[in-house]
Amino acid sequence: MIIAVIVAVAVLLGAVVVLYNRLVSGRNTVEESWSSIDVQLKRRNDLVPSLVNAVKGYMGHEKSTLIEVTEARVRSMQASKAGPAALAQAEGFMQQALGRLFAVAEQYPDLKASANFLQLQNELAHLEDEIQLARRYYNAAVRDQNNRIQQVPSNFVAALFHFQKHEFFEIRDASQRAVPQFNI
């Protein structure tokens, strides 16, 4: 009888350790994937001033568009520390601002033909793809971790060790979901 109790306790402790380790691994994956988003957004935010400078000379009387892109960049940089919901909202504004910038750029044939502008446009299009990939990876990691936190029996271990659900990185406002078009 004592041996059966010892074996049962050992099995239970082993299960708790395995479940705890899965939860820790999931949390670390979520943090790593968030870091990937942060890196890609920083790369884009570093590229935006070059883009603004490239179009400034061509779009002298379109200052409001340039100011809007600059403000969206600042907003994005500030929101990166505030979490997924704030960053998603800031990213929606950034996408709208970049979309307007490229729509206005269509009116300037000399700008569209500029090698520097085309290179920046290509880099930005590539970065937008990287951001999308990073966001999908993050959301998949969040989904998997949230499932572990909510499913039996790991939900008992998650509650015991205070694991919290994570927030998805999603843009809620449909008008902000439109991806800027980069005519390359």
C-alpha atoms as a PDB file:
ATOM      1  CA  MET A   1       0.000   0.000   0.000  1.00  0.00           C
ATOM      2  CA  ILE A   2       2.763   2.461   0.932  1.00  0.00           C
ATOM      3  CA  ILE A   3       4.601   1.647  -2.281  1.00  0.00           C
ATOM      4  CA  ALA A   4       1.448   2.319  -4.302  1.00  0.00           C
ATOM      5  CA  VAL A   5       1.023   5.717  -2.595  1.00  0.00           C
ATOM      6  CA  ILE A   6       4.694   6.577  -3.181  1.00  0.00           C
ATOM      7  CA  VAL A   7       4.416   5.582  -6.853  1.00  0.00           C
ATOM      8  CA  ALA A   8       1.185   7.595  -7.249  1.00  0.00           C
ATOM      9  CA  VAL A   9       2.773  10.676  -5.645  1.00  0.00           C
ATOM     10  CA  ALA A  10       5.886  10.280  -7.816  1.00  0.00           C
ATOM     11  CA  VAL A  11       3.746   9.995 -10.957  1.00  0.00           C
ATOM     12  CA  LEU A  12       1.709  13.035  -9.920  1.00  0.00           C
ATOM     13  CA  LEU A  13       4.838  15.085  -9.192  1.00  0.00           C
ATOM     14  CA  GLY A  14       6.340  13.964 -12.500  1.00  0.00           C
ATOM     15  CA  ALA A  15       3.195  15.073 -14.328  1.00  0.00           C
ATOM     16  CA  VAL A  16       3.275  18.464 -12.567  1.00  0.00           C
ATOM     17  CA  VAL A  17       6.936  18.923 -13.533  1.00  0.00           C
ATOM     18  CA  VAL A  18       6.247  18.015 -17.173  1.00  0.00           C
ATOM     19  CA  LEU A  19       3.237  20.336 -17.367  1.00  0.00           C
ATOM     20  CA  TYR A  20       5.121  23.152 -15.641  1.00  0.00           C
ATOM     21  CA  ASN A  21       8.028  22.783 -18.063  1.00  0.00           C
ATOM     22  CA  ARG A  22       5.641  22.928 -21.038  1.00  0.00           C
ATOM     23  CA  LEU A  23       4.084  26.103 -19.662  1.00  0.00           C
ATOM     24  CA  VAL A  24       7.503  27.700 -19.141  1.00  0.00           C
ATOM     25  CA  SER A  25       8.565  26.673 -22.636  1.00  0.00           C
ATOM     26  CA  GLY A  26       5.373  28.163 -24.062  1.00  0.00           C
ATOM     27  CA  ARG A  27       5.860  31.415 -22.154  1.00  0.00           C
ATOM     28  CA  ASN A  28       9.421  31.658 -23.446  1.00  0.00           C
ATOM     29  CA  THR A  29       8.240  31.041 -27.013  1.00  0.00           C
ATOM     30  CA  VAL A  30       5.671  33.829 -26.665  1.00  0.00           C
ATOM     31  CA  GLU A  31       8.345  36.202 -25.341  1.00  0.00           C
ATOM     32  CA  GLU A  32      10.753  35.241 -28.124  1.00  0.00           C
ATOM     33  CA  SER A  33       8.102  35.717 -30.789  1.00  0.00           C
ATOM     34  CA  TRP A  34       7.179  39.130 -29.324  1.00  0.00           C
ATOM     35  CA  SER A  35      10.833  40.053 -29.543  1.00  0.00           C
ATOM     36  CA  SER A  36      10.781  39.142 -33.254  1.00  0.00           C
ATOM     37  CA  ILE A  37       7.901  41.541 -33.826  1.00  0.00           C
ATOM     38  CA  ASP A  38       9.731  44.239 -31.903  1.00  0.00           C
ATOM     39  CA  VAL A  39      12.889  43.767 -33.994  1.00  0.00           C
ATOM     40  CA  GLN A  40      10.995  43.981 -37.302  1.00  0.00           C
ATOM     41  CA  LEU A  41       9.061  47.048 -36.208  1.00  0.00           C
ATOM     42  CA  LYS A  42      12.269  48.732 -35.078  1.00  0.00           C
ATOM     43  CA  ARG A  43      13.801  48.016 -38.480  1.00  0.00           C
ATOM     44  CA  ARG A  44      10.774  49.580 -40.165  1.00  0.00           C
ATOM     45  CA  ASN A  45      10.763  52.551 -37.799  1.00  0.00           C
ATOM     46  CA  ASP A  46      14.437  53.075 -38.614  1.00  0.00           C
ATOM     47  CA  LEU A  47      13.612  53.031 -42.334  1.00  0.00           C
ATOM     48  CA  VAL A  48      10.718  55.522 -42.173  1.00  0.00           C
ATOM     49  CA  PRO A  49      12.881  58.662 -41.698  1.00  0.00           C
ATOM     50  CA  SER A  50      14.882  57.725 -44.813  1.00  0.00           C
ATOM     51  CA  LEU A  51      11.643  57.275 -46.712  1.00  0.00           C
ATOM     52  CA  VAL A  52      10.299  60.626 -45.511  1.00  0.00           C
ATOM     53  CA  ASN A  53      13.568  62.344 -46.464  1.00  0.00           C
ATOM     54  CA  ALA A  54      13.500  60.720 -49.912  1.00  0.00           C
ATOM     55  CA  VAL A  55      10.035  62.078 -50.679  1.00  0.00           C
ATOM     56  CA  LYS A  56      10.398  65.447 -48.952  1.00  0.00           C
ATOM     57  CA  GLY A  57      12.026  67.158 -51.906  1.00  0.00           C
ATOM     58  CA  TYR A  58       9.362  65.963 -54.319  1.00  0.00           C
ATOM     59  CA  MET A  59       6.342  66.537 -52.109  1.00  0.00           C
ATOM     60  CA  GLY A  60       6.924  70.034 -50.774  1.00  0.00           C
ATOM     61  CA  HIS A  61       3.253  70.912 -50.455  1.00  0.00           C
ATOM     62  CA  GLU A  62       2.229  67.525 -49.014  1.00  0.00           C
ATOM     63  CA  LYS A  63       3.633  68.259 -45.576  1.00  0.00           C
ATOM     64  CA  SER A  64       0.577  66.965 -43.745  1.00  0.00           C
ATOM     65  CA  THR A  65       1.172  63.469 -45.158  1.00  0.00           C
ATOM     66  CA  LEU A  66       4.824  63.542 -44.132  1.00  0.00           C
ATOM     67  CA  ILE A  67       3.931  64.791 -40.659  1.00  0.00           C
ATOM     68  CA  GLU A  68       1.342  62.042 -40.329  1.00  0.00           C
ATOM     69  CA  VAL A  69       3.909  59.351 -41.207  1.00  0.00           C
ATOM     70  CA  THR A  70       6.393  60.824 -38.739  1.00  0.00           C
ATOM     71  CA  GLU A  71       3.775  60.965 -35.985  1.00  0.00           C
ATOM     72  CA  ALA A  72       2.716  57.380 -36.716  1.00  0.00           C
ATOM     73  CA  ARG A  73       6.359  56.315 -36.401  1.00  0.00           C
ATOM     74  CA  VAL A  74       6.700  58.005 -33.000  1.00  0.00           C
ATOM     75  CA  ARG A  75       3.427  56.467 -31.873  1.00  0.00           C
ATOM     76  CA  SER A  76       4.609  53.008 -32.968  1.00  0.00           C
ATOM     77  CA  MET A  77       7.909  53.391 -31.130  1.00  0.00           C
ATOM     78  CA  GLN A  78       6.149  54.433 -27.930  1.00  0.00           C
ATOM     79  CA  ALA A  79       3.546  51.675 -28.169  1.00  0.00           C
ATOM     80  CA  SER A  80       6.105  48.898 -28.575  1.00  0.00           C
ATOM     81  CA  LYS A  81       6.574  48.811 -24.808  1.00  0.00           C
ATOM     82  CA  ALA A  82       2.859  49.023 -24.004  1.00  0.00           C
ATOM     83  CA  GLY A  83       1.839  45.560 -25.172  1.00  0.00           C
ATOM     84  CA  PRO A  84       0.027  43.947 -28.078  1.00  0.00           C
ATOM     85  CA  ALA A  85      -3.229  45.938 -27.992  1.00  0.00           C
ATOM     86  CA  ALA A  86      -1.558  49.362 -27.935  1.00  0.00           C
ATOM     87  CA  LEU A  87       0.993  48.318 -30.525  1.00  0.00           C
ATOM     88  CA  ALA A  88      -1.674  46.872 -32.815  1.00  0.00           C
ATOM     89  CA  GLN A  89      -3.558  50.164 -32.694  1.00  0.00           C
ATOM     90  CA  ALA A  90      -0.381  52.140 -33.416  1.00  0.00           C
ATOM     91  CA  GLU A  91       0.447  49.779 -36.273  1.00  0.00           C
ATOM     92  CA  GLY A  92      -2.964  50.379 -37.771  1.00  0.00           C
ATOM     93  CA  PHE A  93      -2.241  54.095 -37.852  1.00  0.00           C
ATOM     94  CA  MET A  94       1.213  53.456 -39.329  1.00  0.00           C
ATOM     95  CA  GLN A  95      -0.259  51.337 -42.116  1.00  0.00           C
ATOM     96  CA  GLN A  96      -2.830  54.011 -42.894  1.00  0.00           C
ATOM     97  CA  ALA A  97      -0.170  56.742 -42.940  1.00  0.00           C
ATOM     98  CA  LEU A  98       2.141  54.742 -45.198  1.00  0.00           C
ATOM     99  CA  GLY A  99      -0.769  53.930 -47.481  1.00  0.00           C
ATOM    100  CA  ARG A 100      -1.553  57.620 -47.840  1.00  0.00           C
ATOM    101  CA  LEU A 101       2.112  58.420 -48.423  1.00  0.00           C
ATOM    102  CA  PHE A 102       2.346  55.965 -51.294  1.00  0.00           C
ATOM    103  CA  ALA A 103      -0.977  57.109 -52.708  1.00  0.00           C
ATOM    104  CA  VAL A 104       0.317  60.691 -52.787  1.00  0.00           C
ATOM    105  CA  ALA A 105       3.661  59.492 -54.223  1.00  0.00           C
ATOM    106  CA  GLU A 106       1.763  58.130 -57.232  1.00  0.00           C
ATOM    107  CA  GLN A 107       1.107  61.742 -58.247  1.00  0.00           C
ATOM    108  CA  TYR A 108       4.841  62.446 -58.650  1.00  0.00           C
ATOM    109  CA  PRO A 109       6.375  60.628 -61.645  1.00  0.00           C
ATOM    110  CA  ASP A 110       9.887  61.873 -60.834  1.00  0.00           C
ATOM    111  CA  LEU A 111       9.584  60.445 -57.325  1.00  0.00           C
ATOM    112  CA  LYS A 112       8.297  57.109 -58.581  1.00  0.00           C
ATOM    113  CA  ALA A 113      11.324  56.910 -60.897  1.00  0.00           C
ATOM    114  CA  SER A 114      13.840  57.780 -58.166  1.00  0.00           C
ATOM    115  CA  ALA A 115      16.235  54.876 -57.505  1.00  0.00           C
ATOM    116  CA  ASN A 116      16.488  55.808 -53.833  1.00  0.00           C
ATOM    117  CA  PHE A 117      12.703  55.879 -53.416  1.00  0.00           C
ATOM    118  CA  LEU A 118      12.311  52.561 -55.234  1.00  0.00           C
ATOM    119  CA  GLN A 119      14.952  50.942 -53.042  1.00  0.00           C
ATOM    120  CA  LEU A 120      13.280  52.239 -49.880  1.00  0.00           C
ATOM    121  CA  GLN A 121       9.916  51.083 -51.179  1.00  0.00           C
ATOM    122  CA  ASN A 122      11.342  47.593 -51.807  1.00  0.00           C
ATOM    123  CA  GLU A 123      12.883  47.468 -48.338  1.00  0.00           C
ATOM    124  CA  LEU A 124       9.639  48.581 -46.759  1.00  0.00           C
ATOM    125  CA  ALA A 125       7.630  45.978 -48.683  1.00  0.00           C
ATOM    126  CA  HIS A 126      10.060  43.295 -47.510  1.00  0.00           C
ATOM    127  CA  LEU A 127       9.828  44.522 -43.921  1.00  0.00           C
ATOM    128  CA  GLU A 128       6.031  44.486 -44.052  1.00  0.00           C
ATOM    129  CA  ASP A 129       6.223  40.816 -45.091  1.00  0.00           C
ATOM    130  CA  GLU A 130       8.609  40.112 -42.210  1.00  0.00           C
ATOM    131  CA  ILE A 131       6.285  41.873 -39.770  1.00  0.00           C
ATOM    132  CA  GLN A 132       3.360  39.762 -40.989  1.00  0.00           C
ATOM    133  CA  LEU A 133       5.388  36.572 -40.506  1.00  0.00           C
ATOM    134  CA  ALA A 134       6.489  37.639 -37.036  1.00  0.00           C
ATOM    135  CA  ARG A 135       2.914  38.529 -36.092  1.00  0.00           C
ATOM    136  CA  ARG A 136       1.618  35.158 -37.281  1.00  0.00           C
ATOM    137  CA  TYR A 137       4.349  33.358 -35.344  1.00  0.00           C
ATOM    138  CA  TYR A 138       3.571  35.369 -32.219  1.00  0.00           C
ATOM    139  CA  ASN A 139      -0.170  34.756 -32.484  1.00  0.00           C
ATOM    140  CA  ALA A 140       0.420  31.012 -32.979  1.00  0.00           C
ATOM    141  CA  ALA A 141       2.671  30.939 -29.908  1.00  0.00           C
ATOM    142  CA  VAL A 142       0.041  32.850 -27.909  1.00  0.00           C
ATOM    143  CA  ARG A 143      -2.697  30.481 -29.076  1.00  0.00           C
ATOM    144  CA  ASP A 144      -0.670  27.418 -28.076  1.00  0.00           C
ATOM    145  CA  GLN A 145       0.242  28.875 -24.688  1.00  0.00           C
ATOM    146  CA  ASN A 146      -3.306  30.025 -23.970  1.00  0.00           C
ATOM    147  CA  ASN A 147      -4.532  26.533 -24.851  1.00  0.00           C
ATOM    148  CA  ARG A 148      -2.067  25.028 -22.365  1.00  0.00           C
ATOM    149  CA  ILE A 149      -3.215  27.472 -19.696  1.00  0.00           C
ATOM    150  CA  GLN A 150      -6.885  26.660 -20.246  1.00  0.00           C
ATOM    151  CA  GLN A 151      -6.852  22.920 -20.946  1.00  0.00           C
ATOM    152  CA  VAL A 152      -7.100  20.188 -18.323  1.00  0.00           C
ATOM    153  CA  PRO A 153      -4.834  19.093 -16.623  1.00  0.00           C
ATOM    154  CA  SER A 154      -2.291  21.819 -17.331  1.00  0.00           C
ATOM    155  CA  ASN A 155      -4.780  24.496 -16.261  1.00  0.00           C
ATOM    156  CA  PHE A 156      -4.371  23.316 -12.652  1.00  0.00           C
ATOM    157  CA  VAL A 157      -0.601  23.713 -12.857  1.00  0.00           C
ATOM    158  CA  ALA A 158      -0.990  27.068 -14.640  1.00  0.00           C
ATOM    159  CA  ALA A 159      -3.275  28.333 -11.873  1.00  0.00           C
ATOM    160  CA  LEU A 160      -0.968  26.980  -9.174  1.00  0.00           C
ATOM    161  CA  PHE A 161       2.039  28.835 -10.622  1.00  0.00           C
ATOM    162  CA  HIS A 162       0.084  31.940 -11.773  1.00  0.00           C
ATOM    163  CA  PHE A 163       0.570  31.623 -15.532  1.00  0.00           C
ATOM    164  CA  GLN A 164      -1.516  34.264 -17.319  1.00  0.00           C
ATOM    165  CA  LYS A 165      -3.131  34.241 -20.737  1.00  0.00           C
ATOM    166  CA  HIS A 166      -1.399  36.360 -23.361  1.00  0.00           C
ATOM    167  CA  GLU A 167      -2.945  38.920 -25.659  1.00  0.00           C
ATOM    168  CA  PHE A 168      -3.055  38.395 -29.421  1.00  0.00           C
ATOM    169  CA  PHE A 169      -1.470  40.973 -31.685  1.00  0.00           C
ATOM    170  CA  GLU A 170      -4.383  41.932 -33.888  1.00  0.00           C
ATOM    171  CA  ILE A 171      -5.728  45.080 -35.399  1.00  0.00           C
ATOM    172  CA  ARG A 172      -9.346  45.323 -34.353  1.00  0.00           C
ATOM    173  CA  ASP A 173     -10.435  48.308 -36.462  1.00  0.00           C
ATOM    174  CA  ALA A 174     -11.259  47.065 -39.967  1.00  0.00           C
ATOM    175  CA  SER A 175     -10.315  50.394 -41.531  1.00  0.00           C
ATOM    176  CA  GLN A 176      -6.794  50.013 -40.137  1.00  0.00           C
ATOM    177  CA  ARG A 177      -6.317  46.456 -41.429  1.00  0.00           C
ATOM    178  CA  ALA A 178      -5.655  47.544 -44.983  1.00  0.00           C
ATOM    179  CA  VAL A 179      -2.053  46.818 -45.833  1.00  0.00           C
ATOM    180  CA  PRO A 180      -0.308  49.675 -47.617  1.00  0.00           C
ATOM    181  CA  GLN A 181       0.228  49.009 -51.306  1.00  0.00           C
ATOM    182  CA  PHE A 182       3.793  49.231 -52.510  1.00  0.00           C
ATOM    183  CA  ASN A 183       3.849  49.519 -56.298  1.00  0.00           C
ATOM    184  CA  ILE A 184       7.251  48.134 -57.076  1.00  0.00           C
END
